[in-house]
Amino acid sequence: DLTVPRDREGEFHTQAFERYSRYEP
């Protein structure tokens, strides 16, 4: 249940998950 913010138009897409997966170690 990570809290992910969103915008009214649904155009915002976070890059945090992709960056985390890339640098997790």
mmCIF file of all heavy atoms, coordinates in Angstrom:
data_MODEL
# 
_entry.id   MODEL 
# 
loop_
_atom_site.group_PDB 
_atom_site.id 
_atom_site.type_symbol 
_atom_site.label_atom_id 
_atom_site.label_alt_id 
_atom_site.label_comp_id 
_atom_site.label_asym_id 
_atom_site.label_entity_id 
_atom_site.label_seq_id 
_atom_site.pdbx_PDB_ins_code 
_atom_site.Cartn_x 
_atom_site.Cartn_y 
_atom_site.Cartn_z 
_atom_site.occupancy 
_atom_site.B_iso_or_equiv 
_atom_site.pdbx_formal_charge 
_atom_site.auth_seq_id 
_atom_site.auth_comp_id 
_atom_site.auth_asym_id 
_atom_site.auth_atom_id 
_atom_site.pdbx_PDB_model_num 
ATOM 1   N N   . ASP A 1 1  ? 0.809   -1.225 0.000   1.00 0.00 ? 1  ASP A N   1 
ATOM 2   C CA  . ASP A 1 1  ? 0.000   0.000  0.000   1.00 0.00 ? 1  ASP A CA  1 
ATOM 3   C C   . ASP A 1 1  ? 0.840   1.273  0.000   1.00 0.00 ? 1  ASP A C   1 
ATOM 4   O O   . ASP A 1 1  ? 0.610   2.200  0.781   1.00 0.00 ? 1  ASP A O   1 
ATOM 5   C CB  . ASP A 1 1  ? -0.963  0.022  1.196   1.00 0.00 ? 1  ASP A CB  1 
ATOM 6   C CG  . ASP A 1 1  ? -1.978  -1.112 1.139   1.00 0.00 ? 1  ASP A CG  1 
ATOM 7   O OD1 . ASP A 1 1  ? -2.241  -1.601 0.021   1.00 0.00 ? 1  ASP A OD1 1 
ATOM 8   O OD2 . ASP A 1 1  ? -2.488  -1.504 2.195   1.00 0.00 ? 1  ASP A OD2 1 
ATOM 9   N N   . LEU A 1 2  ? 1.833   1.317  -0.898  1.00 0.00 ? 2  LEU A N   1 
ATOM 10  C CA  . LEU A 1 2  ? 2.533   2.577  -1.103  1.00 0.00 ? 2  LEU A CA  1 
ATOM 11  C C   . LEU A 1 2  ? 1.544   3.607  -1.646  1.00 0.00 ? 2  LEU A C   1 
ATOM 12  O O   . LEU A 1 2  ? 0.752   3.309  -2.549  1.00 0.00 ? 2  LEU A O   1 
ATOM 13  C CB  . LEU A 1 2  ? 3.680   2.404  -2.097  1.00 0.00 ? 2  LEU A CB  1 
ATOM 14  C CG  . LEU A 1 2  ? 5.028   1.936  -1.546  1.00 0.00 ? 2  LEU A CG  1 
ATOM 15  C CD1 . LEU A 1 2  ? 5.909   1.454  -2.689  1.00 0.00 ? 2  LEU A CD1 1 
ATOM 16  C CD2 . LEU A 1 2  ? 5.708   3.055  -0.798  1.00 0.00 ? 2  LEU A CD2 1 
ATOM 17  N N   . THR A 1 3  ? 1.567   4.805  -1.105  1.00 0.00 ? 3  THR A N   1 
ATOM 18  C CA  . THR A 1 3  ? 0.638   5.847  -1.542  1.00 0.00 ? 3  THR A CA  1 
ATOM 19  C C   . THR A 1 3  ? 1.190   6.571  -2.761  1.00 0.00 ? 3  THR A C   1 
ATOM 20  O O   . THR A 1 3  ? 2.251   7.211  -2.677  1.00 0.00 ? 3  THR A O   1 
ATOM 21  C CB  . THR A 1 3  ? 0.397   6.859  -0.405  1.00 0.00 ? 3  THR A CB  1 
ATOM 22  O OG1 . THR A 1 3  ? -0.141  6.158  0.730   1.00 0.00 ? 3  THR A OG1 1 
ATOM 23  C CG2 . THR A 1 3  ? -0.578  7.942  -0.834  1.00 0.00 ? 3  THR A CG2 1 
ATOM 24  N N   . VAL A 1 4  ? 0.501   6.453  -3.888  1.00 0.00 ? 4  VAL A N   1 
ATOM 25  C CA  . VAL A 1 4  ? 0.947   7.050  -5.150  1.00 0.00 ? 4  VAL A CA  1 
ATOM 26  C C   . VAL A 1 4  ? 0.001   8.206  -5.510  1.00 0.00 ? 4  VAL A C   1 
ATOM 27  O O   . VAL A 1 4  ? -1.198  8.004  -5.657  1.00 0.00 ? 4  VAL A O   1 
ATOM 28  C CB  . VAL A 1 4  ? 0.938   6.010  -6.291  1.00 0.00 ? 4  VAL A CB  1 
ATOM 29  C CG1 . VAL A 1 4  ? 1.498   6.629  -7.575  1.00 0.00 ? 4  VAL A CG1 1 
ATOM 30  C CG2 . VAL A 1 4  ? 1.735   4.765  -5.896  1.00 0.00 ? 4  VAL A CG2 1 
ATOM 31  N N   . PRO A 1 5  ? 0.527   9.433  -5.641  1.00 0.00 ? 5  PRO A N   1 
ATOM 32  C CA  . PRO A 1 5  ? -0.344  10.564 -5.992  1.00 0.00 ? 5  PRO A CA  1 
ATOM 33  C C   . PRO A 1 5  ? -0.733  10.524 -7.473  1.00 0.00 ? 5  PRO A C   1 
ATOM 34  O O   . PRO A 1 5  ? -0.056  9.895  -8.285  1.00 0.00 ? 5  PRO A O   1 
ATOM 35  C CB  . PRO A 1 5  ? 0.543   11.772 -5.687  1.00 0.00 ? 5  PRO A CB  1 
ATOM 36  C CG  . PRO A 1 5  ? 1.933   11.273 -5.903  1.00 0.00 ? 5  PRO A CG  1 
ATOM 37  C CD  . PRO A 1 5  ? 1.925   9.838  -5.457  1.00 0.00 ? 5  PRO A CD  1 
ATOM 38  N N   . ARG A 1 6  ? -1.824  11.198 -7.820  1.00 0.00 ? 6  ARG A N   1 
ATOM 39  C CA  . ARG A 1 6  ? -2.240  11.254 -9.215  1.00 0.00 ? 6  ARG A CA  1 
ATOM 40  C C   . ARG A 1 6  ? -2.800  12.655 -9.516  1.00 0.00 ? 6  ARG A C   1 
ATOM 41  O O   . ARG A 1 6  ? -3.141  13.411 -8.603  1.00 0.00 ? 6  ARG A O   1 
ATOM 42  C CB  . ARG A 1 6  ? -3.289  10.195 -9.514  1.00 0.00 ? 6  ARG A CB  1 
ATOM 43  C CG  . ARG A 1 6  ? -4.546  10.299 -8.674  1.00 0.00 ? 6  ARG A CG  1 
ATOM 44  C CD  . ARG A 1 6  ? -5.424  9.088  -8.878  1.00 0.00 ? 6  ARG A CD  1 
ATOM 45  N NE  . ARG A 1 6  ? -6.598  9.136  -8.011  1.00 0.00 ? 6  ARG A NE  1 
ATOM 46  C CZ  . ARG A 1 6  ? -7.407  8.119  -7.795  1.00 0.00 ? 6  ARG A CZ  1 
ATOM 47  N NH1 . ARG A 1 6  ? -7.167  6.954  -8.391  1.00 0.00 ? 6  ARG A NH1 1 
ATOM 48  N NH2 . ARG A 1 6  ? -8.450  8.228  -7.004  1.00 0.00 ? 6  ARG A NH2 1 
ATOM 49  N N   . ASP A 1 7  ? -2.863  12.963 -10.809 1.00 0.00 ? 7  ASP A N   1 
ATOM 50  C CA  . ASP A 1 7  ? -3.417  14.261 -11.216 1.00 0.00 ? 7  ASP A CA  1 
ATOM 51  C C   . ASP A 1 7  ? -4.822  14.069 -11.775 1.00 0.00 ? 7  ASP A C   1 
ATOM 52  O O   . ASP A 1 7  ? -5.251  12.950 -12.072 1.00 0.00 ? 7  ASP A O   1 
ATOM 53  C CB  . ASP A 1 7  ? -2.516  14.924 -12.253 1.00 0.00 ? 7  ASP A CB  1 
ATOM 54  C CG  . ASP A 1 7  ? -2.536  14.170 -13.577 1.00 0.00 ? 7  ASP A CG  1 
ATOM 55  O OD1 . ASP A 1 7  ? -2.442  12.910 -13.561 1.00 0.00 ? 7  ASP A OD1 1 
ATOM 56  O OD2 . ASP A 1 7  ? -2.665  14.811 -14.628 1.00 0.00 ? 7  ASP A OD2 1 
ATOM 57  N N   . ARG A 1 8  ? -5.539  15.151 -11.913 1.00 0.00 ? 8  ARG A N   1 
ATOM 58  C CA  . ARG A 1 8  ? -6.947  15.111 -12.315 1.00 0.00 ? 8  ARG A CA  1 
ATOM 59  C C   . ARG A 1 8  ? -7.133  14.545 -13.719 1.00 0.00 ? 8  ARG A C   1 
ATOM 60  O O   . ARG A 1 8  ? -8.106  13.839 -14.006 1.00 0.00 ? 8  ARG A O   1 
ATOM 61  C CB  . ARG A 1 8  ? -7.550  16.523 -12.234 1.00 0.00 ? 8  ARG A CB  1 
ATOM 62  C CG  . ARG A 1 8  ? -9.051  16.568 -12.445 1.00 0.00 ? 8  ARG A CG  1 
ATOM 63  C CD  . ARG A 1 8  ? -9.575  17.966 -12.201 1.00 0.00 ? 8  ARG A CD  1 
ATOM 64  N NE  . ARG A 1 8  ? -9.384  18.375 -10.805 1.00 0.00 ? 8  ARG A NE  1 
ATOM 65  C CZ  . ARG A 1 8  ? -9.707  19.584 -10.339 1.00 0.00 ? 8  ARG A CZ  1 
ATOM 66  N NH1 . ARG A 1 8  ? -10.183 20.503 -11.147 1.00 0.00 ? 8  ARG A NH1 1 
ATOM 67  N NH2 . ARG A 1 8  ? -9.502  19.865 -9.062  1.00 0.00 ? 8  ARG A NH2 1 
ATOM 68  N N   . GLU A 1 9  ? -6.194  14.833 -14.609 1.00 0.00 ? 9  GLU A N   1 
ATOM 69  C CA  . GLU A 1 9  ? -6.340  14.391 -16.000 1.00 0.00 ? 9  GLU A CA  1 
ATOM 70  C C   . GLU A 1 9  ? -5.777  12.990 -16.243 1.00 0.00 ? 9  GLU A C   1 
ATOM 71  O O   . GLU A 1 9  ? -5.894  12.461 -17.345 1.00 0.00 ? 9  GLU A O   1 
ATOM 72  C CB  . GLU A 1 9  ? -5.632  15.393 -16.936 1.00 0.00 ? 9  GLU A CB  1 
ATOM 73  C CG  . GLU A 1 9  ? -6.149  16.817 -16.823 1.00 0.00 ? 9  GLU A CG  1 
ATOM 74  C CD  . GLU A 1 9  ? -7.626  16.895 -17.162 1.00 0.00 ? 9  GLU A CD  1 
ATOM 75  O OE1 . GLU A 1 9  ? -8.063  16.158 -18.072 1.00 0.00 ? 9  GLU A OE1 1 
ATOM 76  O OE2 . GLU A 1 9  ? -8.345  17.684 -16.521 1.00 0.00 ? 9  GLU A OE2 1 
ATOM 77  N N   . GLY A 1 10 ? -5.135  12.420 -15.247 1.00 0.00 ? 10 GLY A N   1 
ATOM 78  C CA  . GLY A 1 10 ? -4.586  11.072 -15.401 1.00 0.00 ? 10 GLY A CA  1 
ATOM 79  C C   . GLY A 1 10 ? -3.365  11.003 -16.299 1.00 0.00 ? 10 GLY A C   1 
ATOM 80  O O   . GLY A 1 10 ? -3.051  9.950  -16.849 1.00 0.00 ? 10 GLY A O   1 
ATOM 81  N N   . GLU A 1 11 ? -2.650  12.113 -16.429 1.00 0.00 ? 11 GLU A N   1 
ATOM 82  C CA  . GLU A 1 11 ? -1.485  12.143 -17.325 1.00 0.00 ? 11 GLU A CA  1 
ATOM 83  C C   . GLU A 1 11 ? -0.162  11.937 -16.577 1.00 0.00 ? 11 GLU A C   1 
ATOM 84  O O   . GLU A 1 11 ? 0.868   11.706 -17.202 1.00 0.00 ? 11 GLU A O   1 
ATOM 85  C CB  . GLU A 1 11 ? -1.443  13.485 -18.063 1.00 0.00 ? 11 GLU A CB  1 
ATOM 86  C CG  . GLU A 1 11 ? -2.634  13.686 -18.988 1.00 0.00 ? 11 GLU A CG  1 
ATOM 87  C CD  . GLU A 1 11 ? -2.606  15.040 -19.670 1.00 0.00 ? 11 GLU A CD  1 
ATOM 88  O OE1 . GLU A 1 11 ? -1.709  15.858 -19.309 1.00 0.00 ? 11 GLU A OE1 1 
ATOM 89  O OE2 . GLU A 1 11 ? -3.433  15.274 -20.550 1.00 0.00 ? 11 GLU A OE2 1 
ATOM 90  N N   . PHE A 1 12 ? -0.199  12.033 -15.243 1.00 0.00 ? 12 PHE A N   1 
ATOM 91  C CA  . PHE A 1 12 ? 1.040   11.888 -14.468 1.00 0.00 ? 12 PHE A CA  1 
ATOM 92  C C   . PHE A 1 12 ? 1.381   10.416 -14.279 1.00 0.00 ? 12 PHE A C   1 
ATOM 93  O O   . PHE A 1 12 ? 0.543   9.609  -13.884 1.00 0.00 ? 12 PHE A O   1 
ATOM 94  C CB  . PHE A 1 12 ? 0.876   12.561 -13.102 1.00 0.00 ? 12 PHE A CB  1 
ATOM 95  C CG  . PHE A 1 12 ? 1.994   12.232 -12.134 1.00 0.00 ? 12 PHE A CG  1 
ATOM 96  C CD1 . PHE A 1 12 ? 3.261   12.741 -12.322 1.00 0.00 ? 12 PHE A CD1 1 
ATOM 97  C CD2 . PHE A 1 12 ? 1.760   11.396 -11.035 1.00 0.00 ? 12 PHE A CD2 1 
ATOM 98  C CE1 . PHE A 1 12 ? 4.285   12.433 -11.431 1.00 0.00 ? 12 PHE A CE1 1 
ATOM 99  C CE2 . PHE A 1 12 ? 2.771   11.090 -10.150 1.00 0.00 ? 12 PHE A CE2 1 
ATOM 100 C CZ  . PHE A 1 12 ? 4.041   11.612 -10.339 1.00 0.00 ? 12 PHE A CZ  1 
ATOM 101 N N   . HIS A 1 13 ? 2.631   10.062 -14.570 1.00 0.00 ? 13 HIS A N   1 
ATOM 102 C CA  . HIS A 1 13 ? 3.117   8.692  -14.366 1.00 0.00 ? 13 HIS A CA  1 
ATOM 103 C C   . HIS A 1 13 ? 4.465   8.773  -13.643 1.00 0.00 ? 13 HIS A C   1 
ATOM 104 O O   . HIS A 1 13 ? 5.434   9.306  -14.185 1.00 0.00 ? 13 HIS A O   1 
ATOM 105 C CB  . HIS A 1 13 ? 3.274   7.957  -15.692 1.00 0.00 ? 13 HIS A CB  1 
ATOM 106 C CG  . HIS A 1 13 ? 1.990   7.825  -16.448 1.00 0.00 ? 13 HIS A CG  1 
ATOM 107 N ND1 . HIS A 1 13 ? 0.985   6.962  -16.078 1.00 0.00 ? 13 HIS A ND1 1 
ATOM 108 C CD2 . HIS A 1 13 ? 1.543   8.491  -17.550 1.00 0.00 ? 13 HIS A CD2 1 
ATOM 109 C CE1 . HIS A 1 13 ? -0.032  7.081  -16.916 1.00 0.00 ? 13 HIS A CE1 1 
ATOM 110 N NE2 . HIS A 1 13 ? 0.276   8.006  -17.819 1.00 0.00 ? 13 HIS A NE2 1 
ATOM 111 N N   . THR A 1 14 ? 4.519   8.244  -12.434 1.00 0.00 ? 14 THR A N   1 
ATOM 112 C CA  . THR A 1 14 ? 5.750   8.321  -11.652 1.00 0.00 ? 14 THR A CA  1 
ATOM 113 C C   . THR A 1 14 ? 6.857   7.463  -12.253 1.00 0.00 ? 14 THR A C   1 
ATOM 114 O O   . THR A 1 14 ? 6.594   6.397  -12.831 1.00 0.00 ? 14 THR A O   1 
ATOM 115 C CB  . THR A 1 14 ? 5.506   7.874  -10.196 1.00 0.00 ? 14 THR A CB  1 
ATOM 116 O OG1 . THR A 1 14 ? 6.746   7.932  -9.487  1.00 0.00 ? 14 THR A OG1 1 
ATOM 117 C CG2 . THR A 1 14 ? 4.966   6.448  -10.122 1.00 0.00 ? 14 THR A CG2 1 
ATOM 118 N N   . GLN A 1 15 ? 8.072   7.935  -12.107 1.00 0.00 ? 15 GLN A N   1 
ATOM 119 C CA  . GLN A 1 15 ? 9.248   7.177  -12.539 1.00 0.00 ? 15 GLN A CA  1 
ATOM 120 C C   . GLN A 1 15 ? 9.960   6.511  -11.349 1.00 0.00 ? 15 GLN A C   1 
ATOM 121 O O   . GLN A 1 15 ? 10.959  5.847  -11.528 1.00 0.00 ? 15 GLN A O   1 
ATOM 122 C CB  . GLN A 1 15 ? 10.238  8.119  -13.245 1.00 0.00 ? 15 GLN A CB  1 
ATOM 123 C CG  . GLN A 1 15 ? 9.673   8.812  -14.475 1.00 0.00 ? 15 GLN A CG  1 
ATOM 124 C CD  . GLN A 1 15 ? 9.259   7.810  -15.528 1.00 0.00 ? 15 GLN A CD  1 
ATOM 125 O OE1 . GLN A 1 15 ? 10.042  6.937  -15.903 1.00 0.00 ? 15 GLN A OE1 1 
ATOM 126 N NE2 . GLN A 1 15 ? 8.025   7.932  -16.006 1.00 0.00 ? 15 GLN A NE2 1 
ATOM 127 N N   . ALA A 1 16 ? 9.406   6.716  -10.152 1.00 0.00 ? 16 ALA A N   1 
ATOM 128 C CA  . ALA A 1 16 ? 10.088  6.243  -8.947  1.00 0.00 ? 16 ALA A CA  1 
ATOM 129 C C   . ALA A 1 16 ? 10.250  4.725  -8.916  1.00 0.00 ? 16 ALA A C   1 
ATOM 130 O O   . ALA A 1 16 ? 11.294  4.210  -8.496  1.00 0.00 ? 16 ALA A O   1 
ATOM 131 C CB  . ALA A 1 16 ? 9.343   6.709  -7.698  1.00 0.00 ? 16 ALA A CB  1 
ATOM 132 N N   . PHE A 1 17 ? 9.216   3.997  -9.355  1.00 0.00 ? 17 PHE A N   1 
ATOM 133 C CA  . PHE A 1 17 ? 9.299   2.536  -9.306  1.00 0.00 ? 17 PHE A CA  1 
ATOM 134 C C   . PHE A 1 17 ? 10.369  2.016  -10.256 1.00 0.00 ? 17 PHE A C   1 
ATOM 135 O O   . PHE A 1 17 ? 11.119  1.095  -9.931  1.00 0.00 ? 17 PHE A O   1 
ATOM 136 C CB  . PHE A 1 17 ? 7.940   1.914  -9.632  1.00 0.00 ? 17 PHE A CB  1 
ATOM 137 C CG  . PHE A 1 17 ? 6.904   2.160  -8.573  1.00 0.00 ? 17 PHE A CG  1 
ATOM 138 C CD1 . PHE A 1 17 ? 5.941   3.137  -8.752  1.00 0.00 ? 17 PHE A CD1 1 
ATOM 139 C CD2 . PHE A 1 17 ? 6.915   1.443  -7.389  1.00 0.00 ? 17 PHE A CD2 1 
ATOM 140 C CE1 . PHE A 1 17 ? 4.989   3.380  -7.782  1.00 0.00 ? 17 PHE A CE1 1 
ATOM 141 C CE2 . PHE A 1 17 ? 5.968   1.676  -6.411  1.00 0.00 ? 17 PHE A CE2 1 
ATOM 142 C CZ  . PHE A 1 17 ? 5.009   2.655  -6.598  1.00 0.00 ? 17 PHE A CZ  1 
ATOM 143 N N   . GLU A 1 18 ? 10.416  2.612  -11.450 1.00 0.00 ? 18 GLU A N   1 
ATOM 144 C CA  . GLU A 1 18 ? 11.420  2.187  -12.420 1.00 0.00 ? 18 GLU A CA  1 
ATOM 145 C C   . GLU A 1 18 ? 12.825  2.483  -11.912 1.00 0.00 ? 18 GLU A C   1 
ATOM 146 O O   . GLU A 1 18 ? 13.719  1.645  -12.011 1.00 0.00 ? 18 GLU A O   1 
ATOM 147 C CB  . GLU A 1 18 ? 11.205  2.908  -13.747 1.00 0.00 ? 18 GLU A CB  1 
ATOM 148 C CG  . GLU A 1 18 ? 12.212  2.524  -14.822 1.00 0.00 ? 18 GLU A CG  1 
ATOM 149 C CD  . GLU A 1 18 ? 12.006  3.309  -16.107 1.00 0.00 ? 18 GLU A CD  1 
ATOM 150 O OE1 . GLU A 1 18 ? 10.919  3.905  -16.265 1.00 0.00 ? 18 GLU A OE1 1 
ATOM 151 O OE2 . GLU A 1 18 ? 12.925  3.320  -16.940 1.00 0.00 ? 18 GLU A OE2 1 
ATOM 152 N N   . ARG A 1 19 ? 13.015  3.676  -11.338 1.00 0.00 ? 19 ARG A N   1 
ATOM 153 C CA  . ARG A 1 19 ? 14.334  4.024  -10.820 1.00 0.00 ? 19 ARG A CA  1 
ATOM 154 C C   . ARG A 1 19 ? 14.707  3.138  -9.645  1.00 0.00 ? 19 ARG A C   1 
ATOM 155 O O   . ARG A 1 19 ? 15.853  2.701  -9.502  1.00 0.00 ? 19 ARG A O   1 
ATOM 156 C CB  . ARG A 1 19 ? 14.365  5.505  -10.406 1.00 0.00 ? 19 ARG A CB  1 
ATOM 157 C CG  . ARG A 1 19 ? 14.425  6.464  -11.584 1.00 0.00 ? 19 ARG A CG  1 
ATOM 158 C CD  . ARG A 1 19 ? 14.811  7.859  -11.115 1.00 0.00 ? 19 ARG A CD  1 
ATOM 159 N NE  . ARG A 1 19 ? 13.786  8.462  -10.269 1.00 0.00 ? 19 ARG A NE  1 
ATOM 160 C CZ  . ARG A 1 19 ? 12.837  9.282  -10.701 1.00 0.00 ? 19 ARG A CZ  1 
ATOM 161 N NH1 . ARG A 1 19 ? 12.777  9.594  -11.986 1.00 0.00 ? 19 ARG A NH1 1 
ATOM 162 N NH2 . ARG A 1 19 ? 11.953  9.790  -9.872  1.00 0.00 ? 19 ARG A NH2 1 
ATOM 163 N N   . TYR A 1 20 ? 13.740  2.860  -8.762  1.00 0.00 ? 20 TYR A N   1 
ATOM 164 C CA  . TYR A 1 20 ? 14.031  1.994  -7.625  1.00 0.00 ? 20 TYR A CA  1 
ATOM 165 C C   . TYR A 1 20 ? 14.462  0.600  -8.095  1.00 0.00 ? 20 TYR A C   1 
ATOM 166 O O   . TYR A 1 20 ? 15.430  0.030  -7.608  1.00 0.00 ? 20 TYR A O   1 
ATOM 167 C CB  . TYR A 1 20 ? 12.824  1.872  -6.698  1.00 0.00 ? 20 TYR A CB  1 
ATOM 168 C CG  . TYR A 1 20 ? 13.122  0.974  -5.512  1.00 0.00 ? 20 TYR A CG  1 
ATOM 169 C CD1 . TYR A 1 20 ? 13.733  1.491  -4.376  1.00 0.00 ? 20 TYR A CD1 1 
ATOM 170 C CD2 . TYR A 1 20 ? 12.859  -0.392 -5.554  1.00 0.00 ? 20 TYR A CD2 1 
ATOM 171 C CE1 . TYR A 1 20 ? 14.063  0.675  -3.314  1.00 0.00 ? 20 TYR A CE1 1 
ATOM 172 C CE2 . TYR A 1 20 ? 13.190  -1.215 -4.493  1.00 0.00 ? 20 TYR A CE2 1 
ATOM 173 C CZ  . TYR A 1 20 ? 13.782  -0.673 -3.379  1.00 0.00 ? 20 TYR A CZ  1 
ATOM 174 O OH  . TYR A 1 20 ? 14.124  -1.497 -2.328  1.00 0.00 ? 20 TYR A OH  1 
ATOM 175 N N   . SER A 1 21 ? 13.720  0.046  -9.060  1.00 0.00 ? 21 SER A N   1 
ATOM 176 C CA  . SER A 1 21 ? 14.051  -1.287 -9.568  1.00 0.00 ? 21 SER A CA  1 
ATOM 177 C C   . SER A 1 21 ? 15.446  -1.315 -10.172 1.00 0.00 ? 21 SER A C   1 
ATOM 178 O O   . SER A 1 21 ? 16.171  -2.305 -10.049 1.00 0.00 ? 21 SER A O   1 
ATOM 179 C CB  . SER A 1 21 ? 13.019  -1.718 -10.611 1.00 0.00 ? 21 SER A CB  1 
ATOM 180 O OG  . SER A 1 21 ? 11.747  -1.850 -10.038 1.00 0.00 ? 21 SER A OG  1 
ATOM 181 N N   . ARG A 1 22 ? 15.835  -0.216 -10.777 1.00 0.00 ? 22 ARG A N   1 
ATOM 182 C CA  . ARG A 1 22 ? 17.150  -0.149 -11.419 1.00 0.00 ? 22 ARG A CA  1 
ATOM 183 C C   . ARG A 1 22 ? 18.272  -0.114 -10.387 1.00 0.00 ? 22 ARG A C   1 
ATOM 184 O O   . ARG A 1 22 ? 19.341  -0.673 -10.592 1.00 0.00 ? 22 ARG A O   1 
ATOM 185 C CB  . ARG A 1 22 ? 17.210  1.098  -12.310 1.00 0.00 ? 22 ARG A CB  1 
ATOM 186 C CG  . ARG A 1 22 ? 18.455  1.157  -13.214 1.00 0.00 ? 22 ARG A CG  1 
ATOM 187 C CD  . ARG A 1 22 ? 18.448  2.455  -14.012 1.00 0.00 ? 22 ARG A CD  1 
ATOM 188 N NE  . ARG A 1 22 ? 17.161  2.660  -14.659 1.00 0.00 ? 22 ARG A NE  1 
ATOM 189 C CZ  . ARG A 1 22 ? 16.662  3.849  -14.960 1.00 0.00 ? 22 ARG A CZ  1 
ATOM 190 N NH1 . ARG A 1 22 ? 17.333  4.956  -14.653 1.00 0.00 ? 22 ARG A NH1 1 
ATOM 191 N NH2 . ARG A 1 22 ? 15.495  3.963  -15.550 1.00 0.00 ? 22 ARG A NH2 1 
ATOM 192 N N   . TYR A 1 23 ? 18.024  0.563  -9.265  1.00 0.00 ? 23 TYR A N   1 
ATOM 193 C CA  . TYR A 1 23 ? 19.091  0.794  -8.294  1.00 0.00 ? 23 TYR A CA  1 
ATOM 194 C C   . TYR A 1 23 ? 18.871  0.078  -6.959  1.00 0.00 ? 23 TYR A C   1 
ATOM 195 O O   . TYR A 1 23 ? 19.540  0.382  -5.982  1.00 0.00 ? 23 TYR A O   1 
ATOM 196 C CB  . TYR A 1 23 ? 19.222  2.290  -8.017  1.00 0.00 ? 23 TYR A CB  1 
ATOM 197 C CG  . TYR A 1 23 ? 19.662  3.100  -9.205  1.00 0.00 ? 23 TYR A CG  1 
ATOM 198 C CD1 . TYR A 1 23 ? 18.804  4.017  -9.796  1.00 0.00 ? 23 TYR A CD1 1 
ATOM 199 C CD2 . TYR A 1 23 ? 20.939  2.951  -9.735  1.00 0.00 ? 23 TYR A CD2 1 
ATOM 200 C CE1 . TYR A 1 23 ? 19.202  4.774  -10.889 1.00 0.00 ? 23 TYR A CE1 1 
ATOM 201 C CE2 . TYR A 1 23 ? 21.351  3.698  -10.820 1.00 0.00 ? 23 TYR A CE2 1 
ATOM 202 C CZ  . TYR A 1 23 ? 20.482  4.610  -11.395 1.00 0.00 ? 23 TYR A CZ  1 
ATOM 203 O OH  . TYR A 1 23 ? 20.885  5.351  -12.477 1.00 0.00 ? 23 TYR A OH  1 
ATOM 204 N N   . GLU A 1 24 ? 17.947  -0.870 -6.904  1.00 0.00 ? 24 GLU A N   1 
ATOM 205 C CA  . GLU A 1 24 ? 17.598  -1.446 -5.611  1.00 0.00 ? 24 GLU A CA  1 
ATOM 206 C C   . GLU A 1 24 ? 18.784  -1.952 -4.798  1.00 0.00 ? 24 GLU A C   1 
ATOM 207 O O   . GLU A 1 24 ? 18.880  -1.662 -3.605  1.00 0.00 ? 24 GLU A O   1 
ATOM 208 C CB  . GLU A 1 24 ? 16.579  -2.571 -5.747  1.00 0.00 ? 24 GLU A CB  1 
ATOM 209 C CG  . GLU A 1 24 ? 16.070  -2.993 -4.379  1.00 0.00 ? 24 GLU A CG  1 
ATOM 210 C CD  . GLU A 1 24 ? 15.440  -4.372 -4.371  1.00 0.00 ? 24 GLU A CD  1 
ATOM 211 O OE1 . GLU A 1 24 ? 15.581  -5.096 -5.361  1.00 0.00 ? 24 GLU A OE1 1 
ATOM 212 O OE2 . GLU A 1 24 ? 14.820  -4.726 -3.365  1.00 0.00 ? 24 GLU A OE2 1 
ATOM 213 N N   . PRO A 1 25 ? 19.734  -2.723 -5.376  1.00 0.00 ? 25 PRO A N   1 
ATOM 214 C CA  . PRO A 1 25 ? 20.855  -3.191 -4.548  1.00 0.00 ? 25 PRO A CA  1 
ATOM 215 C C   . PRO A 1 25 ? 21.610  -2.047 -3.887  1.00 0.00 ? 25 PRO A C   1 
ATOM 216 O O   . PRO A 1 25 ? 21.962  -2.120 -2.711  1.00 0.00 ? 25 PRO A O   1 
ATOM 217 C CB  . PRO A 1 25 ? 21.736  -3.948 -5.553  1.00 0.00 ? 25 PRO A CB  1 
ATOM 218 C CG  . PRO A 1 25 ? 20.790  -4.377 -6.627  1.00 0.00 ? 25 PRO A CG  1 
ATOM 219 C CD  . PRO A 1 25 ? 19.798  -3.248 -6.760  1.00 0.00 ? 25 PRO A CD  1 
# 
